[in-house]
């Protein structure tokens, strides 16, 4: 039986790079995001590559809807072997001194509570089988404090911390958890940041199962940018 990847926060860039990388290796692919029309188009692109794929529309901030979408994905495609979580930041992005409870909550709901919801839906099955992979994506502000990405970094740092904690706790149970820190734009044709190049990095992380974190891009370049801002 084919293994199943579910991408939460699927889009035409990073999400599709990951979907293509796993699909080429025989995975079925479930795509979850808010816009049904966009998802249907992405499913069509995967079908043209011979990848079995299906769309499960849901607003990631709506935890009940996300739970229902993941249940539908399991029913349609079978147990989730790999969960990849990578919603793009939406909503207001605030500087440090301008961060409010509302702006922090908005990003926390998307990046942290959405991830906790998604993991909570697939982890029991992985534990029962004694295997599975959780790949939780963050941005560079999860690692390097950037005043101009303060509320996003606040949430993503929490997600990164949780991913490392899950890695330590679940590894003895046969479940691999890792965070992927994107320190770059997603740039078609770039030797490092092309979606398919990035997708291959995710697949390699899944295959090796030996690390808690993969960094894509140049952390030091971003650190210099922050220092000069």
Protein backbone atom coordinates (compact mmCIF):
# COMPACT_ATOMS: atom_id res chain seq x y z
CA UNK A 1 0.00 0.00 0.00
CA UNK A 2 1.29 3.46 -0.90
CA UNK A 3 2.42 5.72 1.90
CA UNK A 4 0.61 9.02 2.47
CA UNK A 5 1.94 12.55 2.86
CA UNK A 6 -0.38 15.31 4.04
CA UNK A 7 0.72 18.91 3.49
CA UNK A 8 -1.02 21.39 5.79
CA UNK A 9 -0.77 24.91 4.41
CA UNK A 10 -0.29 23.71 0.85
CA UNK A 11 0.49 26.30 -1.81
CA UNK A 12 2.10 26.49 -5.25
CA UNK A 13 5.60 27.13 -3.89
CA UNK A 14 7.02 25.27 -0.91
CA UNK A 15 4.04 22.97 -0.38
CA UNK A 16 4.04 21.78 -3.97
CA UNK A 17 7.80 21.31 -3.93
CA UNK A 18 7.38 18.94 -0.99
CA UNK A 19 4.36 17.25 -2.59
CA UNK A 20 6.22 16.61 -5.85
CA UNK A 21 9.30 15.29 -4.05
CA UNK A 22 7.31 12.72 -2.08
CA UNK A 23 4.89 11.99 -4.93
CA UNK A 24 7.77 11.04 -7.21
CA UNK A 25 8.74 8.48 -4.61
CA UNK A 26 5.35 6.81 -4.72
CA UNK A 27 3.54 8.70 -1.97
CA UNK A 28 -0.12 9.63 -2.15
CA UNK A 29 -0.58 13.29 -1.30
CA UNK A 30 -3.27 15.12 0.64
CA UNK A 31 -3.33 18.91 0.42
CA UNK A 32 -4.94 21.11 3.06
CA UNK A 33 -5.37 24.88 2.72
CA UNK A 34 -8.18 27.39 2.70
CA UNK A 35 -8.85 27.96 -1.01
CA UNK A 36 -10.60 25.03 -2.72
CA UNK A 37 -10.03 26.31 -6.25
CA UNK A 38 -6.30 26.67 -5.67
CA UNK A 39 -6.11 23.21 -4.13
CA UNK A 40 -8.02 21.67 -7.03
CA UNK A 41 -5.52 23.20 -9.44
CA UNK A 42 -2.59 21.79 -7.44
CA UNK A 43 -4.20 18.35 -7.37
CA UNK A 44 -4.50 18.56 -11.15
CA UNK A 45 -0.81 19.42 -11.49
CA UNK A 46 0.14 16.43 -9.36
CA UNK A 47 -2.17 14.16 -11.35
CA UNK A 48 -0.34 15.18 -14.52
CA UNK A 49 2.85 13.86 -12.88
CA UNK A 50 1.15 10.57 -12.07
CA UNK A 51 0.78 11.38 -8.37
CA UNK A 52 -2.40 10.32 -6.57
CA UNK A 53 -3.55 13.45 -4.74
CA UNK A 54 -6.66 14.90 -3.14
CA UNK A 55 -7.71 18.27 -1.73
CA UNK A 56 -9.22 18.84 1.71
CA UNK A 57 -10.08 22.55 2.09
CA UNK A 58 -9.94 24.05 5.58
CA UNK A 59 -8.97 27.28 7.29
CA UNK A 60 -6.02 26.21 9.46
CA UNK A 61 -7.02 28.70 12.18
CA UNK A 62 -10.39 26.93 12.44
CA UNK A 63 -9.31 23.98 14.56
CA UNK A 64 -12.55 22.07 14.07
CA UNK A 65 -12.31 22.47 10.29
CA UNK A 66 -8.66 21.38 10.30
CA UNK A 67 -9.55 18.33 12.39
CA UNK A 68 -12.31 17.42 9.93
CA UNK A 69 -9.99 17.88 6.93
CA UNK A 70 -7.38 15.56 8.43
CA UNK A 71 -10.05 12.97 9.22
CA UNK A 72 -11.25 13.18 5.62
CA UNK A 73 -7.68 12.77 4.36
CA UNK A 74 -7.23 9.63 6.47
CA UNK A 75 -10.52 8.22 5.22
CA UNK A 76 -9.64 8.90 1.57
CA UNK A 77 -5.93 8.08 1.55
CA UNK A 78 -5.33 5.88 4.57
CA UNK A 79 -3.05 6.44 7.56
CA UNK A 80 -0.87 9.55 7.45
CA UNK A 81 2.78 8.46 7.28
CA UNK A 82 4.25 11.96 6.91
CA UNK A 83 2.72 15.24 8.05
CA UNK A 84 4.29 18.42 6.70
CA UNK A 85 3.11 21.69 8.26
CA UNK A 86 3.98 24.93 6.49
CA UNK A 87 1.32 27.65 6.36
CA UNK A 88 2.51 30.99 5.06
CA UNK A 89 2.30 33.91 7.50
CA UNK A 90 -0.94 35.82 7.03
CA UNK A 91 -2.32 38.81 8.83
CA UNK A 92 -0.42 41.82 10.13
CA UNK A 93 3.33 41.39 10.67
CA UNK A 94 4.46 43.70 13.44
CA UNK A 95 7.68 45.25 14.70
CA UNK A 96 8.69 44.31 18.22
CA UNK A 97 7.51 47.44 19.99
CA UNK A 98 4.25 47.49 18.02
CA UNK A 99 3.32 43.87 18.79
CA UNK A 100 -0.06 43.61 20.47
CA UNK A 101 -1.92 40.74 22.08
CA UNK A 102 -4.12 40.58 18.99
CA UNK A 103 -1.25 40.49 16.49
CA UNK A 104 0.68 37.93 18.54
CA UNK A 105 -2.40 35.76 18.98
CA UNK A 106 -3.13 35.79 15.26
CA UNK A 107 0.28 34.34 14.41
CA UNK A 108 0.30 31.96 17.39
CA UNK A 109 -3.05 30.50 16.30
CA UNK A 110 -1.71 29.89 12.80
CA UNK A 111 1.78 28.57 13.47
CA UNK A 112 1.51 26.94 16.88
CA UNK A 113 -2.09 26.00 17.59
CA UNK A 114 -2.62 24.84 14.02
CA UNK A 115 0.44 22.62 14.29
CA UNK A 116 -0.64 21.27 17.67
CA UNK A 117 -4.07 20.49 16.22
CA UNK A 118 -2.64 18.74 13.16
CA UNK A 119 -0.11 16.72 15.11
CA UNK A 120 -2.77 15.75 17.61
CA UNK A 121 -4.83 14.21 14.82
CA UNK A 122 -2.09 12.07 13.26
CA UNK A 123 0.14 11.23 16.23
CA UNK A 124 -2.10 8.58 17.85
CA UNK A 125 -2.05 6.53 14.65
CA UNK A 126 1.71 6.91 14.32
CA UNK A 127 2.19 5.77 17.89
CA UNK A 128 -0.04 2.76 17.33
CA UNK A 129 2.01 1.78 14.26
CA UNK A 130 5.35 2.62 15.88
CA UNK A 131 6.42 4.81 12.96
CA UNK A 132 5.75 8.15 11.31
CA UNK A 133 7.29 11.50 10.47
CA UNK A 134 6.31 15.03 11.47
CA UNK A 135 8.01 17.87 9.56
CA UNK A 136 7.17 21.29 11.04
CA UNK A 137 8.29 24.28 9.01
CA UNK A 138 9.38 27.62 10.45
CA UNK A 139 11.02 30.74 9.08
CA UNK A 140 14.36 32.28 9.90
CA UNK A 141 12.82 34.51 12.58
CA UNK A 142 12.31 31.37 14.68
CA UNK A 143 16.07 31.29 15.17
CA UNK A 144 17.27 34.88 14.72
CA UNK A 145 15.31 37.64 16.45
CA UNK A 146 14.21 40.17 13.84
CA UNK A 147 12.47 43.35 15.11
CA UNK A 148 10.54 43.69 11.84
CA UNK A 149 9.14 40.12 12.10
CA UNK A 150 8.46 40.18 15.82
CA UNK A 151 5.02 38.59 16.11
CA UNK A 152 5.80 35.97 13.46
CA UNK A 153 9.12 35.14 15.14
CA UNK A 154 7.40 34.91 18.51
CA UNK A 155 5.10 32.19 17.18
CA UNK A 156 7.63 30.39 15.01
CA UNK A 157 10.18 30.23 17.83
CA UNK A 158 7.53 28.48 19.90
CA UNK A 159 6.86 26.01 17.09
CA UNK A 160 10.57 25.32 16.63
CA UNK A 161 11.02 24.74 20.36
CA UNK A 162 8.08 22.32 20.42
CA UNK A 163 9.41 20.44 17.39
CA UNK A 164 12.74 19.86 19.12
CA UNK A 165 10.94 18.70 22.28
CA UNK A 166 8.79 16.30 20.25
CA UNK A 167 11.91 14.98 18.51
CA UNK A 168 13.48 14.06 21.85
CA UNK A 169 10.31 12.54 23.28
CA UNK A 170 9.06 10.57 20.29
CA UNK A 171 12.29 9.29 18.76
CA UNK A 172 12.40 6.23 21.08
CA UNK A 173 8.88 5.37 19.88
CA UNK A 174 9.94 5.20 16.22
CA UNK A 175 8.51 8.61 15.28
CA UNK A 176 10.78 11.14 13.64
CA UNK A 177 10.05 14.82 14.28
CA UNK A 178 12.05 17.60 12.70
CA UNK A 179 11.75 21.29 12.03
CA UNK A 180 12.76 22.85 8.73
CA UNK A 181 13.93 26.44 9.09
CA UNK A 182 13.56 28.40 5.85
CA UNK A 183 16.16 31.19 5.79
CA UNK A 184 15.41 32.15 2.21
CA UNK A 185 12.64 33.02 -0.15
CA UNK A 186 11.21 30.23 -2.28
CA UNK A 187 12.68 31.09 -5.68
CA UNK A 188 12.01 28.99 -8.80
CA UNK A 189 15.25 28.21 -10.61
CA UNK A 190 17.51 28.99 -7.64
CA UNK A 191 20.09 26.32 -6.85
CA UNK A 192 19.18 26.36 -3.15
CA UNK A 193 15.70 27.86 -2.91
CA UNK A 194 13.87 26.33 -5.89
CA UNK A 195 10.71 24.57 -4.64
CA UNK A 196 11.82 21.20 -6.02
CA UNK A 197 15.29 21.57 -4.50
CA UNK A 198 13.70 22.38 -1.15
CA UNK A 199 11.27 19.49 -1.55
CA UNK A 200 14.18 17.13 -2.09
CA UNK A 201 15.71 18.37 1.19
CA UNK A 202 12.47 17.49 3.00
CA UNK A 203 12.46 14.04 1.45
CA UNK A 204 16.09 13.53 2.42
CA UNK A 205 15.28 14.53 6.00
CA UNK A 206 12.46 11.98 6.00
CA UNK A 207 14.70 9.23 4.64
CA UNK A 208 17.67 9.81 6.97
CA UNK A 209 15.64 10.33 10.16
CA UNK A 210 18.82 11.41 11.94
CA UNK A 211 18.34 15.12 12.65
CA UNK A 212 15.94 17.39 14.47
CA UNK A 213 16.48 20.37 12.16
CA UNK A 214 17.23 21.23 8.55
CA UNK A 215 18.20 24.80 7.64
CA UNK A 216 17.60 26.01 4.11
CA UNK A 217 19.35 29.25 3.21
CA UNK A 218 21.96 31.41 4.91
CA UNK A 219 21.39 32.21 8.58
CA UNK A 220 24.41 34.48 8.76
CA UNK A 221 23.24 36.57 5.82
CA UNK A 222 19.95 37.16 7.61
CA UNK A 223 21.76 37.93 10.86
CA UNK A 224 23.78 40.59 9.02
CA UNK A 225 20.57 41.98 7.51
CA UNK A 226 19.02 42.33 10.95
CA UNK A 227 22.16 43.93 12.36
CA UNK A 228 22.16 46.51 9.58
CA UNK A 229 18.47 47.34 9.75
